[in-house]
Structure formats: C-alpha cells, structure tokens
Amino acid sequence: MVEVLYAAEGRQGELSVNIERGRQEIEKAVKNACKILNKLTPDGAIYAAGWLMSDLIVSLMPDEEKAKELSRIVNDQIEREFKTAYAKLARGSVN
C-alpha cells in the first residue's frame, strides 16, 4: 500500500480504476459515517474521523513504522486537498 501511494503520481489511472470499482460502496459507507460524525461537536467529529483513519491504517499496515509512514503520506494528501478546496472557495467555486 505504501509503495502505491508513493507512486500515485505515475499510477493515477490504475488508482482511479480501483476506486471507481468500489465507488458506490465507498460513497454509501462515507455517507453513513458522516451522518454519525455530524451529530458530534466539530472537535469530536474530527477526533472520531482520526480514530477511523487510524483503525484503517492499522488494518492495512500491521507494522507500526510502515503505518506511521502511511499516516504521514495520507496527511500530506489531505493537506493538498485542503489547499485545492480553499483555492476553489477563494475563486468563488464550490464542489
């Protein structure tokens, strides 16, 4: 999993196909998770989302050092997504 994320730039097509294959199930699970998390306070929701991500990473990477590296990669990706989202907001366009 870590090597796929490292090479994500060069393997974007393959990653897109993999995500697209499970897209409906993913969207359904995300909507259900968000429904639950949105009932919490903002800080509680963020904490719970981090808990969810941690459990997911541990299930993918039982090796602690690889899990930490994957977490760093995921956090970098989240930061890039924030920059994109806020740039769109600044231009007046929203998803």
PDB file of N, CA and C in Angstrom:
ATOM      1  N   MET A   1       0.817  -1.192   0.000  1.00  0.00           N
ATOM      2  CA  MET A   1       0.000   0.000   0.000  1.00  0.00           C
ATOM      3  C   MET A   1       0.856   1.248   0.000  1.00  0.00           C
ATOM      4  N   VAL A   2       1.911   1.271   0.790  1.00  0.00           N
ATOM      5  CA  VAL A   2       2.765   2.448   0.850  1.00  0.00           C
ATOM      6  C   VAL A   2       3.382   2.717  -0.507  1.00  0.00           C
ATOM      7  N   GLU A   3       3.866   1.677  -1.198  1.00  0.00           N
ATOM      8  CA  GLU A   3       4.510   1.915  -2.488  1.00  0.00           C
ATOM      9  C   GLU A   3       3.511   2.447  -3.510  1.00  0.00           C
ATOM     10  N   VAL A   4       2.250   2.042  -3.424  1.00  0.00           N
ATOM     11  CA  VAL A   4       1.233   2.561  -4.340  1.00  0.00           C
ATOM     12  C   VAL A   4       1.058   4.053  -4.106  1.00  0.00           C
ATOM     13  N   LEU A   5       1.013   4.489  -2.841  1.00  0.00           N
ATOM     14  CA  LEU A   5       0.850   5.905  -2.557  1.00  0.00           C
ATOM     15  C   LEU A   5       2.086   6.698  -2.963  1.00  0.00           C
ATOM     16  N   TYR A   6       3.281   6.122  -2.787  1.00  0.00           N
ATOM     17  CA  TYR A   6       4.494   6.808  -3.221  1.00  0.00           C
ATOM     18  C   TYR A   6       4.459   7.044  -4.725  1.00  0.00           C
ATOM     19  N   ALA A   7       3.950   6.052  -5.446  1.00  0.00           N
ATOM     20  CA  ALA A   7       3.953   6.114  -6.908  1.00  0.00           C
ATOM     21  C   ALA A   7       2.640   6.651  -7.455  1.00  0.00           C
ATOM     22  N   ALA A   8       1.824   7.225  -6.603  1.00  0.00           N
ATOM     23  CA  ALA A   8       0.483   7.637  -7.022  1.00  0.00           C
ATOM     24  C   ALA A   8       0.506   8.560  -8.229  1.00  0.00           C
ATOM     25  N   GLU A   9       1.477   9.438  -8.323  1.00  0.00           N
ATOM     26  CA  GLU A   9       1.526  10.355  -9.459  1.00  0.00           C
ATOM     27  C   GLU A   9       1.610   9.589 -10.774  1.00  0.00           C
ATOM     28  N   GLY A  10       2.443   8.559 -10.821  1.00  0.00           N
ATOM     29  CA  GLY A  10       2.624   7.793 -12.045  1.00  0.00           C
ATOM     30  C   GLY A  10       1.576   6.722 -12.272  1.00  0.00           C
ATOM     31  N   ARG A  11       0.785   6.425 -11.266  1.00  0.00           N
ATOM     32  CA  ARG A  11      -0.200   5.344 -11.367  1.00  0.00           C
ATOM     33  C   ARG A  11      -1.613   5.853 -11.143  1.00  0.00           C
ATOM     34  N   GLN A  12      -1.831   7.112 -11.452  1.00  0.00           N
ATOM     35  CA  GLN A  12      -3.134   7.717 -11.191  1.00  0.00           C
ATOM     36  C   GLN A  12      -4.267   6.974 -11.888  1.00  0.00           C
ATOM     37  N   GLY A  13      -4.036   6.544 -13.132  1.00  0.00           N
ATOM     38  CA  GLY A  13      -5.074   5.817 -13.869  1.00  0.00           C
ATOM     39  C   GLY A  13      -5.477   4.531 -13.180  1.00  0.00           C
ATOM     40  N   GLU A  14      -4.487   3.766 -12.753  1.00  0.00           N
ATOM     41  CA  GLU A  14      -4.745   2.498 -12.063  1.00  0.00           C
ATOM     42  C   GLU A  14      -5.488   2.734 -10.748  1.00  0.00           C
ATOM     43  N   LEU A  15      -5.058   3.752 -10.005  1.00  0.00           N
ATOM     44  CA  LEU A  15      -5.723   4.065  -8.741  1.00  0.00           C
ATOM     45  C   LEU A  15      -7.171   4.482  -8.974  1.00  0.00           C
ATOM     46  N   SER A  16      -7.397   5.276 -10.014  1.00  0.00           N
ATOM     47  CA  SER A  16      -8.754   5.717 -10.331  1.00  0.00           C
ATOM     48  C   SER A  16      -9.662   4.540 -10.658  1.00  0.00           C
ATOM     49  N   VAL A  17      -9.142   3.574 -11.426  1.00  0.00           N
ATOM     50  CA  VAL A  17      -9.932   2.392 -11.772  1.00  0.00           C
ATOM     51  C   VAL A  17     -10.284   1.607 -10.509  1.00  0.00           C
ATOM     52  N   ASN A  18      -9.315   1.443  -9.611  1.00  0.00           N
ATOM     53  CA  ASN A  18      -9.566   0.705  -8.370  1.00  0.00           C
ATOM     54  C   ASN A  18     -10.621   1.395  -7.507  1.00  0.00           C
ATOM     55  N   ILE A  19     -10.540   2.696  -7.407  1.00  0.00           N
ATOM     56  CA  ILE A  19     -11.516   3.440  -6.607  1.00  0.00           C
ATOM     57  C   ILE A  19     -12.885   3.397  -7.275  1.00  0.00           C
ATOM     58  N   GLU A  20     -12.899   3.575  -8.595  1.00  0.00           N
ATOM     59  CA  GLU A  20     -14.165   3.589  -9.338  1.00  0.00           C
ATOM     60  C   GLU A  20     -14.912   2.267  -9.181  1.00  0.00           C
ATOM     61  N   ARG A  21     -14.170   1.161  -9.129  1.00  0.00           N
ATOM     62  CA  ARG A  21     -14.779  -0.158  -8.984  1.00  0.00           C
ATOM     63  C   ARG A  21     -15.631  -0.255  -7.727  1.00  0.00           C
ATOM     64  N   GLY A  22     -15.177   0.344  -6.641  1.00  0.00           N
ATOM     65  CA  GLY A  22     -15.921   0.262  -5.386  1.00  0.00           C
ATOM     66  C   GLY A  22     -16.599   1.561  -5.001  1.00  0.00           C
ATOM     67  N   ARG A  23     -16.712   2.471  -5.956  1.00  0.00           N
ATOM     68  CA  ARG A  23     -17.193   3.818  -5.664  1.00  0.00           C
ATOM     69  C   ARG A  23     -18.549   3.850  -4.960  1.00  0.00           C
ATOM     70  N   GLN A  24     -19.532   3.100  -5.435  1.00  0.00           N
ATOM     71  CA  GLN A  24     -20.863   3.145  -4.816  1.00  0.00           C
ATOM     72  C   GLN A  24     -20.819   2.695  -3.370  1.00  0.00           C
ATOM     73  N   GLU A  25     -20.100   1.617  -3.100  1.00  0.00           N
ATOM     74  CA  GLU A  25     -19.995   1.135  -1.719  1.00  0.00           C
ATOM     75  C   GLU A  25     -19.245   2.129  -0.853  1.00  0.00           C
ATOM     76  N   ILE A  26     -18.190   2.714  -1.413  1.00  0.00           N
ATOM     77  CA  ILE A  26     -17.404   3.703  -0.667  1.00  0.00           C
ATOM     78  C   ILE A  26     -18.272   4.903  -0.327  1.00  0.00           C
ATOM     79  N   GLU A  27     -18.996   5.423  -1.321  1.00  0.00           N
ATOM     80  CA  GLU A  27     -19.848   6.586  -1.088  1.00  0.00           C
ATOM     81  C   GLU A  27     -20.915   6.299  -0.034  1.00  0.00           C
ATOM     82  N   LYS A  28     -21.492   5.116  -0.081  1.00  0.00           N
ATOM     83  CA  LYS A  28     -22.509   4.739   0.903  1.00  0.00           C
ATOM     84  C   LYS A  28     -21.905   4.692   2.311  1.00  0.00           C
ATOM     85  N   ALA A  29     -20.727   4.087   2.439  1.00  0.00           N
ATOM     86  CA  ALA A  29     -20.075   4.000   3.747  1.00  0.00           C
ATOM     87  C   ALA A  29     -19.687   5.384   4.257  1.00  0.00           C
ATOM     88  N   VAL A  30     -19.200   6.231   3.364  1.00  0.00           N
ATOM     89  CA  VAL A  30     -18.816   7.596   3.758  1.00  0.00           C
ATOM     90  C   VAL A  30     -20.030   8.387   4.222  1.00  0.00           C
ATOM     91  N   LYS A  31     -21.141   8.285   3.491  1.00  0.00           N
ATOM     92  CA  LYS A  31     -22.359   9.000   3.884  1.00  0.00           C
ATOM     93  C   LYS A  31     -22.833   8.540   5.258  1.00  0.00           C
ATOM     94  N   ASN A  32     -22.794   7.228   5.498  1.00  0.00           N
ATOM     95  CA  ASN A  32     -23.211   6.703   6.803  1.00  0.00           C
ATOM     96  C   ASN A  32     -22.286   7.193   7.915  1.00  0.00           C
ATOM     97  N   ALA A  33     -20.979   7.160   7.654  1.00  0.00           N
ATOM     98  CA  ALA A  33     -20.018   7.632   8.656  1.00  0.00           C
ATOM     99  C   ALA A  33     -20.223   9.121   8.929  1.00  0.00           C
ATOM    100  N   CYS A  34     -20.409   9.912   7.875  1.00  0.00           N
ATOM    101  CA  CYS A  34     -20.611  11.352   8.048  1.00  0.00           C
ATOM    102  C   CYS A  34     -21.894  11.652   8.804  1.00  0.00           C
ATOM    103  N   LYS A  35     -22.937  10.869   8.558  1.00  0.00           N
ATOM    104  CA  LYS A  35     -24.203  11.061   9.265  1.00  0.00           C
ATOM    105  C   LYS A  35     -23.977  10.925  10.780  1.00  0.00           C
ATOM    106  N   ILE A  36     -23.190   9.938  11.156  1.00  0.00           N
ATOM    107  CA  ILE A  36     -22.887   9.721  12.571  1.00  0.00           C
ATOM    108  C   ILE A  36     -21.969  10.819  13.103  1.00  0.00           C
ATOM    109  N   LEU A  37     -20.898  11.108  12.355  1.00  0.00           N
ATOM    110  CA  LEU A  37     -19.925  12.103  12.811  1.00  0.00           C
ATOM    111  C   LEU A  37     -20.529  13.503  12.890  1.00  0.00           C
ATOM    112  N   ASN A  38     -21.448  13.835  12.000  1.00  0.00           N
ATOM    113  CA  ASN A  38     -22.063  15.164  12.006  1.00  0.00           C
ATOM    114  C   ASN A  38     -22.959  15.398  13.215  1.00  0.00           C
ATOM    115  N   LYS A  39     -23.282  14.358  13.949  1.00  0.00           N
ATOM    116  CA  LYS A  39     -24.069  14.511  15.171  1.00  0.00           C
ATOM    117  C   LYS A  39     -23.187  14.935  16.345  1.00  0.00           C
ATOM    118  N   LEU A  40     -21.883  14.851  16.162  1.00  0.00           N
ATOM    119  CA  LEU A  40     -20.932  15.200  17.215  1.00  0.00           C
ATOM    120  C   LEU A  40     -20.555  16.679  17.118  1.00  0.00           C
ATOM    121  N   THR A  41     -19.861  17.159  18.126  1.00  0.00           N
ATOM    122  CA  THR A  41     -19.298  18.504  18.037  1.00  0.00           C
ATOM    123  C   THR A  41     -18.206  18.473  16.959  1.00  0.00           C
ATOM    124  N   PRO A  42     -17.843  19.632  16.408  1.00  0.00           N
ATOM    125  CA  PRO A  42     -16.791  19.629  15.383  1.00  0.00           C
ATOM    126  C   PRO A  42     -15.490  18.961  15.841  1.00  0.00           C
ATOM    127  N   ASP A  43     -15.051  19.271  17.069  1.00  0.00           N
ATOM    128  CA  ASP A  43     -13.810  18.647  17.534  1.00  0.00           C
ATOM    129  C   ASP A  43     -14.004  17.148  17.769  1.00  0.00           C
ATOM    130  N   GLY A  44     -15.192  16.753  18.233  1.00  0.00           N
ATOM    131  CA  GLY A  44     -15.475  15.324  18.414  1.00  0.00           C
ATOM    132  C   GLY A  44     -15.501  14.590  17.087  1.00  0.00           C
ATOM    133  N   ALA A  45     -16.064  15.218  16.061  1.00  0.00           N
ATOM    134  CA  ALA A  45     -16.135  14.603  14.737  1.00  0.00           C
ATOM    135  C   ALA A  45     -14.739  14.423  14.147  1.00  0.00           C
ATOM    136  N   ILE A  46     -13.898  15.438  14.302  1.00  0.00           N
ATOM    137  CA  ILE A  46     -12.523  15.342  13.782  1.00  0.00           C
ATOM    138  C   ILE A  46     -11.752  14.252  14.532  1.00  0.00           C
ATOM    139  N   TYR A  47     -11.907  14.215  15.844  1.00  0.00           N
ATOM    140  CA  TYR A  47     -11.248  13.178  16.633  1.00  0.00           C
ATOM    141  C   TYR A  47     -11.701  11.789  16.179  1.00  0.00           C
ATOM    142  N   ALA A  48     -13.007  11.611  16.007  1.00  0.00           N
ATOM    143  CA  ALA A  48     -13.552  10.316  15.600  1.00  0.00           C
ATOM    144  C   ALA A  48     -13.093   9.936  14.200  1.00  0.00           C
ATOM    145  N   ALA A  49     -12.998  10.914  13.306  1.00  0.00           N
ATOM    146  CA  ALA A  49     -12.513  10.639  11.952  1.00  0.00           C
ATOM    147  C   ALA A  49     -11.048  10.183  12.000  1.00  0.00           C
ATOM    148  N   GLY A  50     -10.272  10.791  12.878  1.00  0.00           N
ATOM    149  CA  GLY A  50      -8.878  10.356  13.052  1.00  0.00           C
ATOM    150  C   GLY A  50      -8.804   8.942  13.590  1.00  0.00           C
ATOM    151  N   TRP A  51      -9.702   8.613  14.484  1.00  0.00           N
ATOM    152  CA  TRP A  51      -9.787   7.268  15.052  1.00  0.00           C
ATOM    153  C   TRP A  51     -10.107   6.265  13.935  1.00  0.00           C
ATOM    154  N   LEU A  52     -11.060   6.629  13.099  1.00  0.00           N
ATOM    155  CA  LEU A  52     -11.423   5.783  11.957  1.00  0.00           C
ATOM    156  C   LEU A  52     -10.226   5.564  11.032  1.00  0.00           C
ATOM    157  N   MET A  53      -9.525   6.652  10.706  1.00  0.00           N
ATOM    158  CA  MET A  53      -8.361   6.552   9.820  1.00  0.00           C
ATOM    159  C   MET A  53      -7.268   5.705  10.459  1.00  0.00           C
ATOM    160  N   SER A  54      -7.049   5.878  11.745  1.00  0.00           N
ATOM    161  CA  SER A  54      -6.030   5.080  12.443  1.00  0.00           C
ATOM    162  C   SER A  54      -6.349   3.591  12.379  1.00  0.00           C
ATOM    163  N   ASP A  55      -7.607   3.244  12.642  1.00  0.00           N
ATOM    164  CA  ASP A  55      -8.005   1.831  12.568  1.00  0.00           C
ATOM    165  C   ASP A  55      -7.830   1.278  11.160  1.00  0.00           C
ATOM    166  N   LEU A  56      -8.164   2.082  10.161  1.00  0.00           N
ATOM    167  CA  LEU A  56      -7.999   1.649   8.780  1.00  0.00           C
ATOM    168  C   LEU A  56      -6.528   1.414   8.464  1.00  0.00           C
ATOM    169  N   ILE A  57      -5.665   2.348   8.846  1.00  0.00           N
ATOM    170  CA  ILE A  57      -4.236   2.202   8.564  1.00  0.00           C
ATOM    171  C   ILE A  57      -3.668   0.984   9.265  1.00  0.00           C
ATOM    172  N   VAL A  58      -4.050   0.765  10.521  1.00  0.00           N
ATOM    173  CA  VAL A  58      -3.553  -0.413  11.249  1.00  0.00           C
ATOM    174  C   VAL A  58      -4.006  -1.701  10.556  1.00  0.00           C
ATOM    175  N   SER A  59      -5.241  -1.703  10.017  1.00  0.00           N
ATOM    176  CA  SER A  59      -5.723  -2.906   9.333  1.00  0.00           C
ATOM    177  C   SER A  59      -4.967  -3.150   8.025  1.00  0.00           C
ATOM    178  N   LEU A  60      -4.443  -2.087   7.432  1.00  0.00           N
ATOM    179  CA  LEU A  60      -3.682  -2.218   6.184  1.00  0.00           C
ATOM    180  C   LEU A  60      -2.200  -2.470   6.433  1.00  0.00           C
ATOM    181  N   MET A  61      -1.680  -1.900   7.512  1.00  0.00           N
ATOM    182  CA  MET A  61      -0.253  -1.949   7.821  1.00  0.00           C
ATOM    183  C   MET A  61      -0.028  -2.391   9.258  1.00  0.00           C
ATOM    184  N   PRO A  62       0.076  -3.685   9.500  1.00  0.00           N
ATOM    185  CA  PRO A  62       0.293  -4.131  10.880  1.00  0.00           C
ATOM    186  C   PRO A  62       1.657  -3.708  11.444  1.00  0.00           C
ATOM    187  N   ASP A  63       2.624  -3.371  10.567  1.00  0.00           N
ATOM    188  CA  ASP A  63       3.933  -2.904  11.004  1.00  0.00           C
ATOM    189  C   ASP A  63       3.831  -1.428  11.400  1.00  0.00           C
ATOM    190  N   GLU A  64       4.187  -1.120  12.644  1.00  0.00           N
ATOM    191  CA  GLU A  64       3.981   0.238  13.170  1.00  0.00           C
ATOM    192  C   GLU A  64       4.738   1.302  12.377  1.00  0.00           C
ATOM    193  N   GLU A  65       5.971   1.037  11.999  1.00  0.00           N
ATOM    194  CA  GLU A  65       6.735   2.040  11.256  1.00  0.00           C
ATOM    195  C   GLU A  65       6.124   2.312   9.880  1.00  0.00           C
ATOM    196  N   LYS A  66       5.671   1.254   9.208  1.00  0.00           N
ATOM    197  CA  LYS A  66       5.016   1.439   7.912  1.00  0.00           C
ATOM    198  C   LYS A  66       3.694   2.174   8.092  1.00  0.00           C
ATOM    199  N   ALA A  67       3.001   1.895   9.187  1.00  0.00           N
ATOM    200  CA  ALA A  67       1.738   2.576   9.470  1.00  0.00           C
ATOM    201  C   ALA A  67       1.983   4.071   9.689  1.00  0.00           C
ATOM    202  N   LYS A  68       3.034   4.416  10.417  1.00  0.00           N
ATOM    203  CA  LYS A  68       3.352   5.828  10.640  1.00  0.00           C
ATOM    204  C   LYS A  68       3.684   6.521   9.327  1.00  0.00           C
ATOM    205  N   GLU A  69       4.443   5.845   8.469  1.00  0.00           N
ATOM    206  CA  GLU A  69       4.790   6.421   7.170  1.00  0.00           C
ATOM    207  C   GLU A  69       3.533   6.608   6.321  1.00  0.00           C
ATOM    208  N   LEU A  70       2.655   5.626   6.322  1.00  0.00           N
ATOM    209  CA  LEU A  70       1.399   5.742   5.576  1.00  0.00           C
ATOM    210  C   LEU A  70       0.573   6.906   6.116  1.00  0.00           C
ATOM    211  N   SER A  71       0.545   7.076   7.417  1.00  0.00           N
ATOM    212  CA  SER A  71      -0.179   8.183   8.034  1.00  0.00           C
ATOM    213  C   SER A  71       0.381   9.521   7.559  1.00  0.00           C
ATOM    214  N   ARG A  72       1.702   9.633   7.499  1.00  0.00           N
ATOM    215  CA  ARG A  72       2.314  10.876   7.014  1.00  0.00           C
ATOM    216  C   ARG A  72       1.914  11.150   5.564  1.00  0.00           C
ATOM    217  N   ILE A  73       1.912  10.104   4.742  1.00  0.00           N
ATOM    218  CA  ILE A  73       1.538  10.246   3.331  1.00  0.00           C
ATOM    219  C   ILE A  73       0.084  10.692   3.215  1.00  0.00           C
ATOM    220  N   VAL A  74      -0.788  10.061   3.981  1.00  0.00           N
ATOM    221  CA  VAL A  74      -2.215  10.405   3.956  1.00  0.00           C
ATOM    222  C   VAL A  74      -2.419  11.846   4.423  1.00  0.00           C
ATOM    223  N   ASN A  75      -1.726  12.247   5.466  1.00  0.00           N
ATOM    224  CA  ASN A  75      -1.859  13.624   5.960  1.00  0.00           C
ATOM    225  C   ASN A  75      -1.384  14.636   4.917  1.00  0.00           C
ATOM    226  N   ASP A  76      -0.324  14.304   4.183  1.00  0.00           N
ATOM    227  CA  ASP A  76       0.134  15.179   3.098  1.00  0.00           C
ATOM    228  C   ASP A  76      -0.938  15.296   2.019  1.00  0.00           C
ATOM    229  N   GLN A  77      -1.587  14.174   1.705  1.00  0.00           N
ATOM    230  CA  GLN A  77      -2.654  14.186   0.708  1.00  0.00           C
ATOM    231  C   GLN A  77      -3.831  15.045   1.177  1.00  0.00           C
ATOM    232  N   ILE A  78      -4.188  14.917   2.437  1.00  0.00           N
ATOM    233  CA  ILE A  78      -5.281  15.722   2.998  1.00  0.00           C
ATOM    234  C   ILE A  78      -4.925  17.207   2.904  1.00  0.00           C
ATOM    235  N   GLU A  79      -3.690  17.551   3.219  1.00  0.00           N
ATOM    236  CA  GLU A  79      -3.264  18.947   3.131  1.00  0.00           C
ATOM    237  C   GLU A  79      -3.375  19.468   1.694  1.00  0.00           C
ATOM    238  N   ARG A  80      -3.001  18.655   0.715  1.00  0.00           N
ATOM    239  CA  ARG A  80      -3.140  19.065  -0.689  1.00  0.00           C
ATOM    240  C   ARG A  80      -4.613  19.269  -1.046  1.00  0.00           C
ATOM    241  N   GLU A  81      -5.486  18.379  -0.555  1.00  0.00           N
ATOM    242  CA  GLU A  81      -6.907  18.509  -0.829  1.00  0.00           C
ATOM    243  C   GLU A  81      -7.477  19.791  -0.211  1.00  0.00           C
ATOM    244  N   PHE A  82      -7.024  20.131   1.004  1.00  0.00           N
ATOM    245  CA  PHE A  82      -7.452  21.375   1.635  1.00  0.00           C
ATOM    246  C   PHE A  82      -7.040  22.579   0.791  1.00  0.00           C
ATOM    247  N   LYS A  83      -5.794  22.584   0.349  1.00  0.00           N
ATOM    248  CA  LYS A  83      -5.307  23.705  -0.462  1.00  0.00           C
ATOM    249  C   LYS A  83      -6.159  23.866  -1.712  1.00  0.00           C
ATOM    250  N   THR A  84      -6.487  22.756  -2.353  1.00  0.00           N
ATOM    251  CA  THR A  84      -7.324  22.803  -3.557  1.00  0.00           C
ATOM    252  C   THR A  84      -8.717  23.331  -3.219  1.00  0.00           C
ATOM    253  N   ALA A  85      -9.314  22.812  -2.154  1.00  0.00           N
ATOM    254  CA  ALA A  85     -10.666  23.222  -1.764  1.00  0.00           C
ATOM    255  C   ALA A  85     -10.709  24.707  -1.406  1.00  0.00           C
ATOM    256  N   TYR A  86      -9.740  25.175  -0.647  1.00  0.00           N
ATOM    257  CA  TYR A  86      -9.740  26.581  -0.252  1.00  0.00           C
ATOM    258  C   TYR A  86      -9.410  27.501  -1.424  1.00  0.00           C
ATOM    259  N   ALA A  87      -8.612  27.037  -2.357  1.00  0.00           N
ATOM    260  CA  ALA A  87      -8.353  27.820  -3.573  1.00  0.00           C
ATOM    261  C   ALA A  87      -9.643  27.964  -4.379  1.00  0.00           C
ATOM    262  N   LYS A  88     -10.432  26.891  -4.455  1.00  0.00           N
ATOM    263  CA  LYS A  88     -11.721  26.961  -5.149  1.00  0.00           C
ATOM    264  C   LYS A  88     -12.666  27.921  -4.438  1.00  0.00           C
ATOM    265  N   LEU A  89     -12.680  27.878  -3.108  1.00  0.00           N
ATOM    266  CA  LEU A  89     -13.525  28.800  -2.353  1.00  0.00           C
ATOM    267  C   LEU A  89     -13.125  30.241  -2.624  1.00  0.00           C
ATOM    268  N   ALA A  90     -11.823  30.486  -2.667  1.00  0.00           N
ATOM    269  CA  ALA A  90     -11.332  31.842  -2.913  1.00  0.00           C
ATOM    270  C   ALA A  90     -11.746  32.348  -4.288  1.00  0.00           C
ATOM    271  N   ARG A  91     -11.855  31.435  -5.260  1.00  0.00           N
ATOM    272  CA  ARG A  91     -12.289  31.801  -6.612  1.00  0.00           C
ATOM    273  C   ARG A  91     -13.815  31.864  -6.722  1.00  0.00           C
ATOM    274  N   GLY A  92     -14.495  31.466  -5.628  1.00  0.00           N
ATOM    275  CA  GLY A  92     -15.947  31.519  -5.635  1.00  0.00           C
ATOM    276  C   GLY A  92     -16.620  30.272  -6.150  1.00  0.00           C
ATOM    277  N   SER A  93     -15.850  29.224  -6.411  1.00  0.00           N
ATOM    278  CA  SER A  93     -16.463  27.968  -6.872  1.00  0.00           C
ATOM    279  C   SER A  93     -16.385  26.929  -5.759  1.00  0.00           C
ATOM    280  N   VAL A  94     -17.462  26.194  -5.615  1.00  0.00           N
ATOM    281  CA  VAL A  94     -17.551  25.171  -4.582  1.00  0.00           C
ATOM    282  C   VAL A  94     -17.961  23.877  -5.264  1.00  0.00           C
ATOM    283  N   ASN A  95     -17.549  22.735  -4.678  1.00  0.00           N
ATOM    284  CA  ASN A  95     -17.892  21.424  -5.271  1.00  0.00           C
ATOM    285  C   ASN A  95     -19.351  21.297  -5.505  1.00  0.00           C
TER     286      ASN A  95
END
